[in-house]
N, C-alpha and C. Protein backbone atom coordinates (compact mmCIF):
# COMPACT_ATOMS: atom_id res chain seq x y z
N MET A 1 46.86 -81.84 -36.86
CA MET A 1 46.22 -82.84 -37.77
C MET A 1 45.73 -84.19 -36.78
N SER A 2 44.58 -84.58 -37.10
CA SER A 2 44.07 -85.82 -36.58
C SER A 2 44.97 -87.06 -36.89
N ARG A 3 45.01 -87.91 -35.95
CA ARG A 3 45.90 -89.13 -36.30
C ARG A 3 44.88 -90.31 -36.51
N GLU A 4 43.64 -90.08 -36.71
CA GLU A 4 42.76 -91.11 -37.15
C GLU A 4 42.68 -91.35 -38.63
N LEU A 5 42.33 -92.49 -39.13
CA LEU A 5 42.22 -92.71 -40.50
C LEU A 5 40.94 -93.45 -40.74
N TRP A 6 40.01 -92.98 -41.56
CA TRP A 6 38.75 -93.45 -41.81
C TRP A 6 38.71 -93.78 -43.31
N LEU A 7 38.40 -94.99 -43.51
CA LEU A 7 38.29 -95.45 -45.00
C LEU A 7 36.78 -95.60 -45.21
N ASN A 8 36.21 -94.85 -46.25
CA ASN A 8 34.88 -94.83 -46.51
C ASN A 8 34.59 -95.58 -48.00
N LEU A 9 33.72 -96.56 -47.82
CA LEU A 9 33.34 -97.34 -49.01
C LEU A 9 31.89 -97.51 -49.33
N PRO A 10 31.50 -97.20 -50.62
CA PRO A 10 30.15 -97.46 -50.97
C PRO A 10 29.88 -98.92 -51.13
N VAL A 11 28.70 -99.32 -50.74
CA VAL A 11 28.26 -100.78 -50.87
C VAL A 11 26.85 -100.83 -51.40
N ARG A 12 26.58 -101.74 -52.20
CA ARG A 12 25.16 -102.10 -52.84
C ARG A 12 24.26 -102.62 -51.72
N GLU A 13 24.77 -103.60 -51.03
CA GLU A 13 23.90 -104.17 -49.96
C GLU A 13 24.64 -104.10 -48.60
N PRO A 14 24.26 -103.01 -47.86
CA PRO A 14 24.96 -102.83 -46.56
C PRO A 14 24.90 -104.06 -45.69
N GLU A 15 23.83 -104.72 -45.47
CA GLU A 15 23.88 -105.85 -44.52
C GLU A 15 24.83 -107.03 -45.10
N ARG A 16 24.82 -107.35 -46.37
CA ARG A 16 25.74 -108.22 -46.86
C ARG A 16 27.25 -107.78 -46.62
N ALA A 17 27.44 -106.58 -46.82
CA ALA A 17 28.85 -106.06 -46.65
C ALA A 17 29.23 -106.06 -45.03
N LYS A 18 28.18 -105.87 -44.32
CA LYS A 18 28.53 -105.97 -42.81
C LYS A 18 28.88 -107.31 -42.35
N GLU A 19 28.08 -108.23 -42.85
CA GLU A 19 28.44 -109.74 -42.53
C GLU A 19 29.71 -110.04 -43.02
N PHE A 20 30.06 -109.74 -44.33
CA PHE A 20 31.43 -110.11 -44.88
C PHE A 20 32.48 -109.58 -44.00
N TYR A 21 32.48 -108.37 -43.65
CA TYR A 21 33.56 -107.76 -42.70
C TYR A 21 33.63 -108.42 -41.34
N LYS A 22 32.50 -108.72 -40.91
CA LYS A 22 32.38 -109.38 -39.49
C LYS A 22 33.03 -110.79 -39.69
N GLN A 23 32.83 -111.43 -40.74
CA GLN A 23 33.39 -112.70 -40.92
C GLN A 23 34.91 -112.67 -41.12
N LEU A 24 35.47 -111.56 -41.56
CA LEU A 24 36.97 -111.45 -41.64
C LEU A 24 37.52 -111.18 -40.32
N GLY A 25 36.78 -110.76 -39.34
CA GLY A 25 37.21 -110.61 -38.08
C GLY A 25 37.40 -109.00 -37.79
N PHE A 26 36.79 -108.02 -38.53
CA PHE A 26 36.79 -106.66 -38.30
C PHE A 26 35.79 -106.49 -37.11
N ARG A 27 36.15 -105.54 -36.17
CA ARG A 27 35.31 -105.36 -35.10
C ARG A 27 34.25 -104.23 -35.37
N LEU A 28 33.01 -104.68 -35.29
CA LEU A 28 31.90 -103.71 -35.52
C LEU A 28 31.90 -102.67 -34.43
N ASN A 29 31.76 -101.42 -34.88
CA ASN A 29 31.81 -100.38 -33.86
C ASN A 29 30.34 -100.10 -33.35
N GLU A 30 30.27 -100.65 -32.17
CA GLU A 30 28.78 -100.74 -31.59
C GLU A 30 28.31 -99.26 -31.13
N GLN A 31 29.37 -98.39 -31.02
CA GLN A 31 28.77 -97.04 -30.67
C GLN A 31 28.35 -96.19 -31.72
N TYR A 32 28.66 -96.58 -32.98
CA TYR A 32 28.19 -95.83 -34.14
C TYR A 32 26.69 -96.11 -34.47
N VAL A 33 25.94 -95.04 -34.42
CA VAL A 33 24.49 -95.21 -34.69
C VAL A 33 24.25 -94.59 -36.05
N SER A 34 23.71 -95.57 -36.98
CA SER A 34 23.48 -95.23 -38.36
C SER A 34 22.03 -94.52 -38.52
N GLN A 35 22.05 -93.52 -39.37
CA GLN A 35 20.74 -92.99 -39.74
C GLN A 35 20.38 -93.46 -41.10
N ASP A 36 21.26 -94.05 -41.91
CA ASP A 36 21.02 -94.26 -43.28
C ASP A 36 21.43 -95.66 -43.74
N GLY A 37 21.58 -96.58 -42.85
CA GLY A 37 21.90 -97.97 -43.17
C GLY A 37 23.51 -98.27 -43.25
N SER A 38 24.24 -97.33 -42.74
CA SER A 38 25.76 -97.40 -42.86
C SER A 38 26.22 -98.16 -41.61
N PHE A 39 27.50 -98.61 -41.68
CA PHE A 39 28.07 -99.36 -40.66
C PHE A 39 29.47 -98.84 -40.43
N SER A 40 30.07 -99.02 -39.25
CA SER A 40 31.45 -98.68 -38.87
C SER A 40 32.07 -99.89 -38.26
N PHE A 41 33.41 -100.12 -38.73
CA PHE A 41 34.20 -101.22 -38.13
C PHE A 41 35.50 -100.57 -37.68
N PHE A 42 36.14 -101.29 -36.84
CA PHE A 42 37.55 -100.95 -36.54
C PHE A 42 38.41 -102.06 -37.10
N VAL A 43 39.54 -101.57 -37.68
CA VAL A 43 40.33 -102.49 -38.44
C VAL A 43 41.86 -102.48 -37.71
N GLY A 44 42.25 -103.70 -37.40
CA GLY A 44 43.56 -103.73 -36.73
C GLY A 44 43.74 -103.12 -35.46
N ASP A 45 45.06 -102.98 -34.99
CA ASP A 45 45.28 -102.43 -33.58
C ASP A 45 45.32 -100.95 -33.55
N ASN A 46 45.46 -100.31 -34.77
CA ASN A 46 45.67 -98.80 -34.72
C ASN A 46 44.30 -98.12 -34.74
N GLN A 47 43.18 -98.75 -34.63
CA GLN A 47 41.88 -98.03 -34.63
C GLN A 47 41.62 -97.29 -35.96
N VAL A 48 41.98 -97.94 -37.02
CA VAL A 48 41.60 -97.49 -38.35
C VAL A 48 40.11 -97.70 -38.49
N VAL A 49 39.33 -96.83 -39.01
CA VAL A 49 37.89 -97.02 -39.06
C VAL A 49 37.44 -97.29 -40.46
N LEU A 50 36.64 -98.32 -40.71
CA LEU A 50 36.19 -98.63 -42.00
C LEU A 50 34.64 -98.34 -42.02
N MET A 51 34.23 -97.43 -42.89
CA MET A 51 32.81 -97.02 -42.97
C MET A 51 32.24 -97.56 -44.24
N LEU A 52 31.13 -98.19 -44.08
CA LEU A 52 30.40 -98.79 -45.16
C LEU A 52 29.11 -97.97 -45.32
N PHE A 53 29.04 -97.35 -46.50
CA PHE A 53 27.69 -96.48 -46.76
C PHE A 53 26.97 -97.11 -47.96
N PRO A 54 25.61 -96.99 -47.96
CA PRO A 54 24.95 -97.28 -49.04
C PRO A 54 25.39 -96.33 -50.19
N GLU A 55 25.36 -96.75 -51.41
CA GLU A 55 25.92 -95.97 -52.41
C GLU A 55 25.22 -94.70 -52.63
N SER A 56 23.89 -94.53 -52.38
CA SER A 56 23.28 -93.21 -52.51
C SER A 56 23.74 -92.24 -51.42
N THR A 57 24.06 -92.69 -50.29
CA THR A 57 24.57 -91.80 -49.15
C THR A 57 26.00 -91.44 -49.47
N PHE A 58 26.79 -92.43 -50.09
CA PHE A 58 28.18 -92.09 -50.41
C PHE A 58 28.22 -91.13 -51.58
N ARG A 59 27.26 -91.28 -52.51
CA ARG A 59 27.21 -90.29 -53.76
C ARG A 59 26.94 -88.83 -53.13
N GLY A 60 26.00 -88.93 -52.11
CA GLY A 60 25.48 -87.62 -51.62
C GLY A 60 26.68 -86.67 -50.99
N PHE A 61 27.54 -87.44 -50.21
CA PHE A 61 28.61 -86.59 -49.58
C PHE A 61 29.92 -86.52 -50.49
N THR A 62 30.12 -87.33 -51.55
CA THR A 62 31.22 -87.11 -52.34
C THR A 62 30.95 -86.21 -53.48
N GLY A 63 29.74 -86.10 -53.96
CA GLY A 63 29.41 -85.23 -55.03
C GLY A 63 29.86 -85.62 -56.34
N ASN A 64 30.06 -87.15 -56.38
CA ASN A 64 30.59 -87.70 -57.67
C ASN A 64 29.97 -89.05 -57.82
N ALA A 65 29.96 -89.63 -58.91
CA ALA A 65 29.50 -90.98 -59.21
C ALA A 65 30.27 -92.04 -58.43
N VAL A 66 29.70 -93.11 -58.19
CA VAL A 66 30.44 -94.27 -57.48
C VAL A 66 31.16 -95.01 -58.59
N ALA A 67 32.44 -95.32 -58.41
CA ALA A 67 33.22 -96.11 -59.45
C ALA A 67 32.58 -97.54 -59.59
N ASP A 68 32.61 -98.02 -60.88
CA ASP A 68 32.28 -99.39 -61.00
C ASP A 68 33.44 -100.30 -60.74
N SER A 69 33.46 -100.88 -59.60
CA SER A 69 34.72 -101.75 -59.08
C SER A 69 34.85 -103.01 -59.86
N ALA A 70 33.84 -103.42 -60.65
CA ALA A 70 33.90 -104.51 -61.70
C ALA A 70 34.76 -104.23 -62.97
N GLN A 71 34.80 -102.83 -63.05
CA GLN A 71 35.51 -102.38 -64.38
C GLN A 71 36.97 -101.91 -64.09
N GLY A 72 37.16 -101.53 -62.86
CA GLY A 72 38.54 -100.94 -62.57
C GLY A 72 38.74 -100.96 -61.04
N THR A 73 39.98 -100.57 -60.75
CA THR A 73 40.35 -100.48 -59.27
C THR A 73 40.76 -99.16 -58.93
N GLU A 74 40.17 -98.51 -58.12
CA GLU A 74 40.57 -97.10 -57.68
C GLU A 74 41.61 -97.13 -56.54
N VAL A 75 41.55 -98.13 -55.66
CA VAL A 75 42.47 -98.26 -54.62
C VAL A 75 42.72 -99.69 -54.13
N LEU A 76 43.83 -100.08 -53.60
CA LEU A 76 44.04 -101.36 -52.99
C LEU A 76 44.38 -101.13 -51.49
N PHE A 77 43.59 -101.73 -50.68
CA PHE A 77 43.87 -101.63 -49.19
C PHE A 77 44.80 -102.83 -48.76
N SER A 78 45.77 -102.52 -47.99
CA SER A 78 46.63 -103.67 -47.53
C SER A 78 46.65 -103.77 -46.09
N LEU A 79 46.42 -105.08 -45.57
CA LEU A 79 46.35 -105.47 -44.25
C LEU A 79 47.74 -106.11 -43.95
N GLY A 80 48.38 -105.77 -42.82
CA GLY A 80 49.52 -106.56 -42.41
C GLY A 80 49.14 -107.71 -41.57
N ALA A 81 49.80 -108.83 -41.94
CA ALA A 81 49.63 -110.06 -41.18
C ALA A 81 50.76 -110.45 -40.37
N ASN A 82 50.64 -111.18 -39.35
CA ASN A 82 51.72 -111.48 -38.41
C ASN A 82 52.34 -112.85 -38.86
N SER A 83 51.81 -113.44 -39.77
CA SER A 83 52.38 -114.77 -40.15
C SER A 83 51.85 -115.18 -41.61
N ARG A 84 52.44 -116.16 -42.09
CA ARG A 84 51.95 -116.82 -43.44
C ARG A 84 50.57 -117.51 -43.17
N ASP A 85 50.47 -118.08 -42.05
CA ASP A 85 49.21 -118.68 -41.76
C ASP A 85 48.03 -117.84 -41.51
N GLU A 86 48.38 -116.52 -41.08
CA GLU A 86 47.39 -115.50 -41.02
C GLU A 86 46.88 -115.07 -42.27
N VAL A 87 47.79 -114.88 -43.34
CA VAL A 87 47.55 -114.64 -44.70
C VAL A 87 46.58 -115.76 -45.24
N ASP A 88 46.81 -116.95 -45.13
CA ASP A 88 46.20 -118.09 -45.56
C ASP A 88 44.78 -118.09 -45.02
N ASP A 89 44.57 -117.73 -43.66
CA ASP A 89 43.47 -117.81 -42.97
C ASP A 89 42.51 -116.66 -43.51
N LEU A 90 43.02 -115.51 -43.65
CA LEU A 90 42.39 -114.40 -44.11
C LEU A 90 41.70 -114.70 -45.52
N ALA A 91 42.62 -115.32 -46.41
CA ALA A 91 42.01 -115.52 -47.73
C ALA A 91 40.89 -116.60 -47.68
N LEU A 92 41.05 -117.52 -46.86
CA LEU A 92 39.97 -118.60 -46.72
C LEU A 92 38.70 -117.95 -46.04
N LYS A 93 38.79 -117.19 -45.14
CA LYS A 93 37.70 -116.30 -44.60
C LYS A 93 37.02 -115.56 -45.66
N ALA A 94 37.82 -114.70 -46.37
CA ALA A 94 37.21 -113.84 -47.52
C ALA A 94 36.43 -114.71 -48.45
N GLU A 95 36.97 -115.86 -48.86
CA GLU A 95 36.27 -116.59 -49.79
C GLU A 95 34.98 -117.20 -49.36
N ARG A 96 35.16 -117.76 -48.10
CA ARG A 96 33.89 -118.19 -47.45
C ARG A 96 32.82 -117.18 -47.10
N ALA A 97 33.16 -115.96 -46.99
CA ALA A 97 32.31 -114.95 -46.69
C ALA A 97 31.61 -114.38 -47.85
N GLY A 98 32.01 -114.81 -49.06
CA GLY A 98 31.43 -114.32 -50.32
C GLY A 98 32.37 -113.50 -51.14
N GLY A 99 33.62 -113.27 -50.75
CA GLY A 99 34.46 -112.53 -51.53
C GLY A 99 35.24 -113.39 -52.64
N THR A 100 36.06 -112.78 -53.46
CA THR A 100 36.66 -113.30 -54.49
C THR A 100 38.06 -113.28 -54.29
N ILE A 101 38.93 -114.32 -54.39
CA ILE A 101 40.37 -114.28 -54.33
C ILE A 101 40.88 -113.96 -55.70
N PHE A 102 41.59 -112.91 -55.96
CA PHE A 102 42.15 -112.59 -57.23
C PHE A 102 43.59 -112.79 -57.27
N SER A 103 44.35 -113.03 -56.12
CA SER A 103 45.71 -113.43 -56.12
C SER A 103 45.75 -114.48 -54.98
N LYS A 104 46.00 -115.76 -55.27
CA LYS A 104 46.13 -116.66 -54.24
C LYS A 104 47.37 -116.50 -53.36
N PRO A 105 47.34 -116.97 -52.08
CA PRO A 105 48.52 -116.82 -51.27
C PRO A 105 49.73 -117.32 -51.89
N SER A 106 50.81 -116.47 -51.84
CA SER A 106 52.08 -116.91 -52.48
C SER A 106 53.15 -116.06 -51.97
N GLU A 107 54.39 -116.57 -52.24
CA GLU A 107 55.63 -115.86 -51.68
C GLU A 107 56.18 -115.07 -52.97
N GLN A 108 56.80 -113.90 -52.65
CA GLN A 108 57.47 -113.11 -53.66
C GLN A 108 58.77 -112.66 -53.08
N GLY A 109 59.80 -112.92 -53.88
CA GLY A 109 61.07 -112.32 -53.51
C GLY A 109 61.71 -112.96 -52.22
N GLY A 110 61.16 -114.15 -51.78
CA GLY A 110 61.70 -114.80 -50.58
C GLY A 110 61.47 -114.23 -49.33
N TRP A 111 60.70 -113.13 -49.20
CA TRP A 111 60.61 -112.52 -47.91
C TRP A 111 59.10 -111.93 -47.83
N LEU A 112 58.33 -111.81 -48.92
CA LEU A 112 56.90 -111.38 -48.89
C LEU A 112 55.97 -112.38 -49.14
N TYR A 113 54.95 -112.56 -48.40
CA TYR A 113 53.90 -113.59 -48.58
C TYR A 113 52.62 -112.93 -48.49
N GLY A 114 51.84 -113.04 -49.48
CA GLY A 114 50.56 -112.31 -49.58
C GLY A 114 49.49 -112.90 -50.41
N CYS A 115 48.32 -112.45 -50.36
CA CYS A 115 47.17 -112.72 -51.13
C CYS A 115 46.37 -111.48 -51.51
N GLY A 116 45.52 -111.66 -52.40
CA GLY A 116 44.60 -110.54 -52.79
C GLY A 116 43.15 -111.09 -52.81
N PHE A 117 42.20 -110.27 -52.40
CA PHE A 117 40.85 -110.63 -52.43
C PHE A 117 40.02 -109.30 -52.56
N ALA A 118 38.76 -109.54 -53.15
CA ALA A 118 37.83 -108.48 -53.40
C ALA A 118 36.64 -108.87 -52.47
N ASP A 119 36.00 -107.78 -51.85
CA ASP A 119 34.83 -108.07 -51.03
C ASP A 119 33.61 -108.16 -52.08
N PRO A 120 32.38 -108.49 -51.64
CA PRO A 120 31.28 -108.61 -52.56
C PRO A 120 30.91 -107.45 -53.38
N ASP A 121 31.34 -106.29 -52.98
CA ASP A 121 31.24 -105.12 -53.93
C ASP A 121 32.37 -104.88 -54.82
N GLY A 122 33.39 -105.64 -54.81
CA GLY A 122 34.46 -105.52 -55.76
C GLY A 122 35.67 -104.64 -55.20
N HIS A 123 35.50 -104.20 -53.94
CA HIS A 123 36.61 -103.46 -53.29
C HIS A 123 37.85 -104.31 -53.00
N ARG A 124 39.05 -103.96 -53.51
CA ARG A 124 40.16 -104.86 -53.42
C ARG A 124 41.02 -104.60 -52.24
N TRP A 125 41.45 -105.73 -51.61
CA TRP A 125 42.34 -105.68 -50.40
C TRP A 125 43.43 -106.72 -50.49
N ASN A 126 44.54 -106.66 -49.97
CA ASN A 126 45.58 -107.69 -49.74
C ASN A 126 45.96 -107.83 -48.44
N ALA A 127 46.52 -109.03 -48.18
CA ALA A 127 47.00 -109.23 -46.95
C ALA A 127 48.43 -109.71 -47.08
N LEU A 128 49.33 -109.05 -46.28
CA LEU A 128 50.82 -109.27 -46.49
C LEU A 128 51.54 -109.60 -45.19
N TYR A 129 52.31 -110.59 -45.26
CA TYR A 129 53.21 -110.89 -44.27
C TYR A 129 54.72 -110.71 -44.70
N MET A 130 55.51 -109.85 -44.06
CA MET A 130 56.71 -109.55 -44.55
C MET A 130 57.82 -110.01 -43.53
N ASP A 131 58.72 -110.86 -44.01
CA ASP A 131 59.76 -111.36 -43.03
C ASP A 131 60.87 -110.47 -43.34
N MET A 132 60.97 -109.50 -42.43
CA MET A 132 62.00 -108.39 -42.60
C MET A 132 63.38 -108.88 -42.56
N SER A 133 63.67 -110.02 -41.84
CA SER A 133 64.97 -110.61 -41.72
C SER A 133 65.57 -111.12 -43.11
N LYS A 134 64.54 -111.38 -43.95
CA LYS A 134 64.90 -111.90 -45.34
C LYS A 134 64.70 -110.79 -46.48
N MET A 135 64.35 -109.75 -46.07
CA MET A 135 64.16 -108.50 -46.96
C MET A 135 65.54 -108.22 -47.56
N PRO A 136 65.62 -108.00 -48.90
CA PRO A 136 66.89 -107.50 -49.51
C PRO A 136 67.21 -106.31 -49.03
N GLN A 137 68.52 -106.10 -48.89
CA GLN A 137 69.05 -104.69 -48.30
C GLN A 137 69.38 -103.84 -49.45
N GLY A 138 69.04 -102.57 -49.30
CA GLY A 138 69.33 -101.42 -50.07
C GLY A 138 70.01 -101.41 -51.34
């Protein structure tokens, strides 16, 4: 089995989505050549690939309608952060880049600090910092 993970998302305005993710700090995959207006990004240190496809292209290879992300959530992507400051910074970047904060940065349970945001197409993400030394044990 391959050890790569590709996240494929439909977007209404590919250029707008591209700029959003660039402003978050995702690394544009310069080697990916698009035939249809799609873009490829590397996410984090483990080379997770985020693919952004125009909705028509996405529909073509899924054989299914694109979910209306304004009406419901199909998936929540989680990004690991190295500090509380990194969570705060990502929330600020997301908002400045045109995203929406649906859960302001806050602490939960004394060990988890996170926030939630949606990109301009409504795809939901969260950023989480976990202080494992304070995590409740078993």
